[in-house]
């Protein structure tokens, strides 16, 4: 009985601390700190989640923000000006805005380097879920 209570308390503590760390990394630092320390699986999950929410995994002819001065295009819904700016930051002038693989690559780069906030709520939700899943794995692997 005491072991069960200890395990539950440890689980709650780990979840709370992991969430606080995730919030600190993802929300407060914004562009200053990326997710370079996150595992590849967390980044891959976040990329796939954001892509699904932005375009339901479709690329060709998928336009967003049509009523705004700078419409977004493609699988990751990049605005052209944002894509151009980020590919310069990434040192990849060869990337093309309307290329699906290039959008996926640049989104991955953006998440790893602290630019995920450009995807707003989809980024925040993906970050929260990735942090929670990391905590769950830690708890499952912890033996008391």
Protein backbone atom coordinates (compact mmCIF):
# COMPACT_ATOMS: atom_id res chain seq x y z
CA UNK A 1 0.00 0.00 0.00
CA UNK A 2 2.79 2.44 0.92
CA UNK A 3 4.72 1.46 -2.21
CA UNK A 4 1.69 2.30 -4.35
CA UNK A 5 1.38 5.73 -2.74
CA UNK A 6 5.10 6.38 -3.20
CA UNK A 7 4.91 5.37 -6.86
CA UNK A 8 1.88 7.62 -7.48
CA UNK A 9 3.59 10.54 -5.74
CA UNK A 10 6.77 9.99 -7.76
CA UNK A 11 4.74 9.82 -10.97
CA UNK A 12 2.96 13.09 -10.21
CA UNK A 13 6.24 14.78 -9.29
CA UNK A 14 7.98 13.62 -12.47
CA UNK A 15 5.05 14.72 -14.64
CA UNK A 16 4.95 18.12 -12.97
CA UNK A 17 8.69 18.68 -13.27
CA UNK A 18 8.76 17.48 -16.88
CA UNK A 19 5.88 19.78 -17.76
CA UNK A 20 7.56 22.76 -16.10
CA UNK A 21 10.80 22.05 -17.99
CA UNK A 22 8.87 21.71 -21.24
CA UNK A 23 7.06 24.97 -20.66
CA UNK A 24 10.35 26.67 -19.83
CA UNK A 25 12.00 25.41 -23.01
CA UNK A 26 9.08 25.85 -25.34
CA UNK A 27 7.30 28.95 -24.19
CA UNK A 28 9.62 31.26 -22.30
CA UNK A 29 12.74 31.04 -24.42
CA UNK A 30 11.00 31.00 -27.79
CA UNK A 31 13.71 31.66 -30.37
CA UNK A 32 16.60 31.64 -27.92
CA UNK A 33 16.61 27.94 -27.17
CA UNK A 34 15.57 25.09 -29.40
CA UNK A 35 14.84 21.46 -28.83
CA UNK A 36 18.30 20.21 -29.74
CA UNK A 37 18.33 18.18 -26.55
CA UNK A 38 15.00 16.53 -27.35
CA UNK A 39 15.18 13.03 -28.72
CA UNK A 40 14.69 12.31 -32.40
CA UNK A 41 11.39 10.58 -31.66
CA UNK A 42 10.02 13.68 -29.91
CA UNK A 43 11.05 15.92 -32.80
CA UNK A 44 9.62 13.48 -35.35
CA UNK A 45 6.37 13.31 -33.39
CA UNK A 46 6.16 17.10 -33.26
CA UNK A 47 6.87 17.47 -37.00
CA UNK A 48 4.20 14.91 -37.86
CA UNK A 49 1.68 16.43 -35.46
CA UNK A 50 2.20 19.98 -36.78
CA UNK A 51 2.01 18.79 -40.40
CA UNK A 52 -1.20 16.89 -39.72
CA UNK A 53 -2.80 19.88 -37.98
CA UNK A 54 -1.62 22.37 -40.62
CA UNK A 55 -2.44 20.44 -43.80
CA UNK A 56 -3.74 16.95 -42.90
CA UNK A 57 -0.58 15.61 -44.56
CA UNK A 58 -1.42 17.14 -47.94
CA UNK A 59 0.98 19.37 -49.87
CA UNK A 60 0.10 20.14 -53.48
CA UNK A 61 -2.29 23.04 -53.84
CA UNK A 62 -2.82 23.42 -50.09
CA UNK A 63 -3.07 27.13 -49.34
CA UNK A 64 -3.79 28.72 -45.99
CA UNK A 65 -4.31 32.26 -44.76
CA UNK A 66 -5.68 33.18 -48.21
CA UNK A 67 -7.38 36.30 -46.91
CA UNK A 68 -4.15 37.64 -45.45
CA UNK A 69 -1.42 39.58 -47.27
CA UNK A 70 1.00 36.64 -46.91
CA UNK A 71 -0.71 33.31 -47.65
CA UNK A 72 0.81 30.05 -46.44
CA UNK A 73 1.47 27.04 -48.66
CA UNK A 74 2.10 23.34 -48.44
CA UNK A 75 2.45 20.56 -45.96
CA UNK A 76 3.90 22.77 -43.20
CA UNK A 77 1.96 25.91 -44.21
CA UNK A 78 4.99 28.16 -44.54
CA UNK A 79 4.50 31.73 -45.66
CA UNK A 80 6.99 32.42 -48.43
CA UNK A 81 8.70 35.21 -46.48
CA UNK A 82 9.09 32.98 -43.39
CA UNK A 83 10.43 30.11 -45.50
CA UNK A 84 12.95 32.41 -47.19
CA UNK A 85 14.08 33.85 -43.85
CA UNK A 86 14.44 30.46 -42.15
CA UNK A 87 16.30 28.80 -45.01
CA UNK A 88 18.88 31.61 -44.79
CA UNK A 89 19.20 31.06 -41.03
CA UNK A 90 19.59 27.33 -41.65
CA UNK A 91 22.31 27.94 -44.25
CA UNK A 92 20.25 26.16 -46.91
CA UNK A 93 19.66 28.57 -49.82
CA UNK A 94 18.90 25.54 -52.04
CA UNK A 95 15.54 24.86 -50.37
CA UNK A 96 12.36 25.56 -52.35
CA UNK A 97 9.17 26.91 -50.75
CA UNK A 98 6.83 24.71 -52.77
CA UNK A 99 8.84 21.50 -52.28
CA UNK A 100 7.27 19.09 -49.79
CA UNK A 101 10.55 17.54 -48.62
CA UNK A 102 12.12 20.97 -48.20
CA UNK A 103 9.21 22.15 -46.06
CA UNK A 104 9.49 19.05 -43.87
CA UNK A 105 13.26 19.53 -43.51
CA UNK A 106 12.93 23.20 -42.63
CA UNK A 107 10.14 22.55 -40.11
CA UNK A 108 12.37 19.97 -38.40
CA UNK A 109 15.25 22.45 -38.38
CA UNK A 110 12.96 25.18 -37.01
CA UNK A 111 11.80 22.98 -34.11
CA UNK A 112 15.34 21.97 -33.22
CA UNK A 113 16.53 25.57 -33.26
CA UNK A 114 13.82 27.36 -31.32
CA UNK A 115 11.52 28.66 -34.05
CA UNK A 116 8.57 26.38 -33.37
CA UNK A 117 6.45 29.23 -32.06
CA UNK A 118 5.81 30.23 -35.69
CA UNK A 119 3.28 27.37 -35.73
CA UNK A 120 1.40 28.82 -32.75
CA UNK A 121 -1.03 26.56 -30.93
CA UNK A 122 -0.07 23.51 -32.99
CA UNK A 123 3.52 23.86 -31.76
CA UNK A 124 2.43 24.34 -28.14
CA UNK A 125 0.16 21.29 -28.27
CA UNK A 126 2.85 19.16 -29.94
CA UNK A 127 5.43 20.26 -27.37
CA UNK A 128 3.11 19.50 -24.48
CA UNK A 129 2.31 16.03 -25.83
CA UNK A 130 5.99 15.26 -26.53
CA UNK A 131 6.97 16.33 -23.00
CA UNK A 132 4.16 14.29 -21.44
CA UNK A 133 5.10 11.20 -23.45
CA UNK A 134 8.74 11.54 -22.34
CA UNK A 135 7.56 11.69 -18.72
CA UNK A 136 5.35 8.65 -19.21
CA UNK A 137 8.24 6.62 -20.61
CA UNK A 138 10.42 7.69 -17.67
CA UNK A 139 7.74 6.65 -15.18
CA UNK A 140 7.20 3.31 -16.89
CA UNK A 141 10.93 2.60 -16.70
CA UNK A 142 11.21 3.63 -13.05
CA UNK A 143 11.11 0.80 -10.56
CA UNK A 144 10.37 1.31 -6.89
